[in-house]
Amino acid sequence: MMTPRRMRTHDPERNAAEYVSGEMGGRRVRRWFNAHLLECEDCWREVLLGRLGRRLATDIREVAPSSLRDRVRAVIAVESRDAVERPRRRGLRRGRRQ
């Protein structure tokens, strides 16, 4: 089986990460990697670990309580408003006019 040019380097961790995340380029490369998985134990293991990690990260993610989300949003809004209302003074030094 011919290796696509983009996949010349055998890096199971990187290749599996691209495959699992959907960032592996092109249909041809993806089709090649699908066939490669049947032959390469290292890549197969990395794909399984990547999928498991993504699933665990999704499952353990906690949604913040709505009261906390509201407080955080309020602080961000106030900070953003204050930043717009207080223009930075550039080029002015104390006691000097320009």
C-alpha atoms as a PDB file:
ATOM      1  CA  MET A   1       0.000   0.000   0.000  1.00  0.00           C
ATOM      2  CA  MET A   2       1.398   3.360  -1.045  1.00  0.00           C
ATOM      3  CA  THR A   3       1.630   6.018   1.675  1.00  0.00           C
ATOM      4  CA  PRO A   4       0.229   9.449   0.683  1.00  0.00           C
ATOM      5  CA  ARG A   5       2.900  12.180   0.562  1.00  0.00           C
ATOM      6  CA  ARG A   6       1.320  14.061   3.442  1.00  0.00           C
ATOM      7  CA  MET A   7       1.614  10.957   5.670  1.00  0.00           C
ATOM      8  CA  ARG A   8       5.249  10.038   4.923  1.00  0.00           C
ATOM      9  CA  THR A   9       6.160  10.238   8.606  1.00  0.00           C
ATOM     10  CA  HIS A  10       4.663   7.488  10.735  1.00  0.00           C
ATOM     11  CA  ASP A  11       3.582   9.307  13.876  1.00  0.00           C
ATOM     12  CA  PRO A  12       0.719   7.295  15.421  1.00  0.00           C
ATOM     13  CA  GLU A  13      -0.168   9.928  18.024  1.00  0.00           C
ATOM     14  CA  ARG A  14      -0.302  12.859  15.596  1.00  0.00           C
ATOM     15  CA  ASN A  15      -1.993  10.855  12.834  1.00  0.00           C
ATOM     16  CA  ALA A  16      -4.629   9.487  15.218  1.00  0.00           C
ATOM     17  CA  ALA A  17      -5.284  12.945  16.681  1.00  0.00           C
ATOM     18  CA  GLU A  18      -5.915  14.360  13.197  1.00  0.00           C
ATOM     19  CA  TYR A  19      -8.107  11.377  12.324  1.00  0.00           C
ATOM     20  CA  VAL A  20     -10.229  11.516  15.493  1.00  0.00           C
ATOM     21  CA  SER A  21     -10.650  15.300  15.374  1.00  0.00           C
ATOM     22  CA  GLY A  22     -11.614  15.257  11.694  1.00  0.00           C
ATOM     23  CA  GLU A  23      -8.620  17.391  10.731  1.00  0.00           C
ATOM     24  CA  MET A  24      -7.013  14.741   8.535  1.00  0.00           C
ATOM     25  CA  GLY A  25      -6.910  16.288   5.105  1.00  0.00           C
ATOM     26  CA  GLY A  26      -8.488  14.907   1.987  1.00  0.00           C
ATOM     27  CA  ARG A  27     -10.602  11.887   1.220  1.00  0.00           C
ATOM     28  CA  ARG A  28      -7.618   9.996  -0.211  1.00  0.00           C
ATOM     29  CA  VAL A  29      -5.518  10.410   2.956  1.00  0.00           C
ATOM     30  CA  ARG A  30      -8.442   9.448   5.180  1.00  0.00           C
ATOM     31  CA  ARG A  31      -9.177   6.357   3.070  1.00  0.00           C
ATOM     32  CA  TRP A  32      -5.499   5.375   3.253  1.00  0.00           C
ATOM     33  CA  PHE A  33      -5.461   5.824   7.036  1.00  0.00           C
ATOM     34  CA  ASN A  34      -8.619   3.716   7.430  1.00  0.00           C
ATOM     35  CA  ALA A  35      -6.850   0.851   5.644  1.00  0.00           C
ATOM     36  CA  HIS A  36      -3.636   1.513   7.592  1.00  0.00           C
ATOM     37  CA  LEU A  37      -5.531   1.140  10.901  1.00  0.00           C
ATOM     38  CA  LEU A  38      -6.240  -2.501  10.056  1.00  0.00           C
ATOM     39  CA  GLU A  39      -2.504  -3.185   9.849  1.00  0.00           C
ATOM     40  CA  CYS A  40      -0.964  -0.890  12.465  1.00  0.00           C
ATOM     41  CA  GLU A  41      -1.544  -1.713  16.126  1.00  0.00           C
ATOM     42  CA  ASP A  42       0.084   1.541  17.299  1.00  0.00           C
ATOM     43  CA  CYS A  43      -2.219   3.763  15.237  1.00  0.00           C
ATOM     44  CA  TRP A  44      -5.281   1.680  16.148  1.00  0.00           C
ATOM     45  CA  ARG A  45      -4.474   2.013  19.844  1.00  0.00           C
ATOM     46  CA  GLU A  46      -3.967   5.792  19.526  1.00  0.00           C
ATOM     47  CA  VAL A  47      -7.310   6.186  17.726  1.00  0.00           C
ATOM     48  CA  LEU A  48      -9.065   4.214  20.466  1.00  0.00           C
ATOM     49  CA  LEU A  49      -7.382   6.305  23.176  1.00  0.00           C
ATOM     50  CA  GLY A  50      -8.257   9.521  21.355  1.00  0.00           C
ATOM     51  CA  ARG A  51     -11.907   8.534  21.051  1.00  0.00           C
ATOM     52  CA  LEU A  52     -12.023   7.489  24.698  1.00  0.00           C
ATOM     53  CA  GLY A  53     -10.430  10.765  25.794  1.00  0.00           C
ATOM     54  CA  ARG A  54     -12.917  12.819  23.787  1.00  0.00           C
ATOM     55  CA  ARG A  55     -15.825  10.823  25.206  1.00  0.00           C
ATOM     56  CA  LEU A  56     -14.574  11.220  28.788  1.00  0.00           C
ATOM     57  CA  ALA A  57     -14.020  14.942  28.349  1.00  0.00           C
ATOM     58  CA  THR A  58     -17.578  15.320  27.086  1.00  0.00           C
ATOM     59  CA  ASP A  59     -19.096  13.124  29.803  1.00  0.00           C
ATOM     60  CA  ILE A  60     -17.391  14.780  32.776  1.00  0.00           C
ATOM     61  CA  ARG A  61     -17.952  18.339  31.641  1.00  0.00           C
ATOM     62  CA  GLU A  62     -20.154  20.121  34.146  1.00  0.00           C
ATOM     63  CA  VAL A  63     -22.431  22.919  33.154  1.00  0.00           C
ATOM     64  CA  ALA A  64     -22.106  25.888  35.476  1.00  0.00           C
ATOM     65  CA  PRO A  65     -25.226  26.783  37.464  1.00  0.00           C
ATOM     66  CA  SER A  66     -27.258  29.530  35.796  1.00  0.00           C
ATOM     67  CA  SER A  67     -26.691  31.931  38.715  1.00  0.00           C
ATOM     68  CA  LEU A  68     -22.917  31.611  38.307  1.00  0.00           C
ATOM     69  CA  ARG A  69     -23.147  32.071  34.532  1.00  0.00           C
ATOM     70  CA  ASP A  70     -25.235  35.212  35.052  1.00  0.00           C
ATOM     71  CA  ARG A  71     -22.707  36.674  37.520  1.00  0.00           C
ATOM     72  CA  VAL A  72     -19.785  35.964  35.202  1.00  0.00           C
ATOM     73  CA  ARG A  73     -21.599  37.536  32.259  1.00  0.00           C
ATOM     74  CA  ALA A  74     -22.419  40.622  34.366  1.00  0.00           C
ATOM     75  CA  VAL A  75     -18.768  41.072  35.386  1.00  0.00           C
ATOM     76  CA  ILE A  76     -17.636  40.715  31.768  1.00  0.00           C
ATOM     77  CA  ALA A  77     -20.227  43.260  30.623  1.00  0.00           C
ATOM     78  CA  VAL A  78     -19.157  45.778  33.285  1.00  0.00           C
ATOM     79  CA  GLU A  79     -15.460  45.308  32.528  1.00  0.00           C
ATOM     80  CA  SER A  80     -16.071  45.667  28.799  1.00  0.00           C
ATOM     81  CA  ARG A  81     -18.165  48.812  29.296  1.00  0.00           C
ATOM     82  CA  ASP A  82     -15.550  50.342  31.599  1.00  0.00           C
ATOM     83  CA  ALA A  83     -12.798  49.631  29.089  1.00  0.00           C
ATOM     84  CA  VAL A  84     -14.731  51.473  26.372  1.00  0.00           C
ATOM     85  CA  GLU A  85     -15.662  54.416  28.609  1.00  0.00           C
ATOM     86  CA  ARG A  86     -12.095  54.952  29.881  1.00  0.00           C
ATOM     87  CA  PRO A  87     -10.014  55.741  26.807  1.00  0.00           C
ATOM     88  CA  ARG A  88      -6.331  55.270  27.314  1.00  0.00           C
ATOM     89  CA  ARG A  89      -4.270  58.411  27.359  1.00  0.00           C
ATOM     90  CA  ARG A  90      -1.380  57.953  25.020  1.00  0.00           C
ATOM     91  CA  GLY A  91       1.487  60.322  24.583  1.00  0.00           C
ATOM     92  CA  LEU A  92       0.617  62.540  27.541  1.00  0.00           C
ATOM     93  CA  ARG A  93       2.957  62.843  30.450  1.00  0.00           C
ATOM     94  CA  ARG A  94       2.284  64.564  33.738  1.00  0.00           C
ATOM     95  CA  GLY A  95       2.932  68.276  33.623  1.00  0.00           C
ATOM     96  CA  ARG A  96       3.496  68.399  29.886  1.00  0.00           C
ATOM     97  CA  ARG A  97       1.174  69.435  27.116  1.00  0.00           C
ATOM     98  CA  GLN A  98       1.327  68.330  23.563  1.00  0.00           C
END
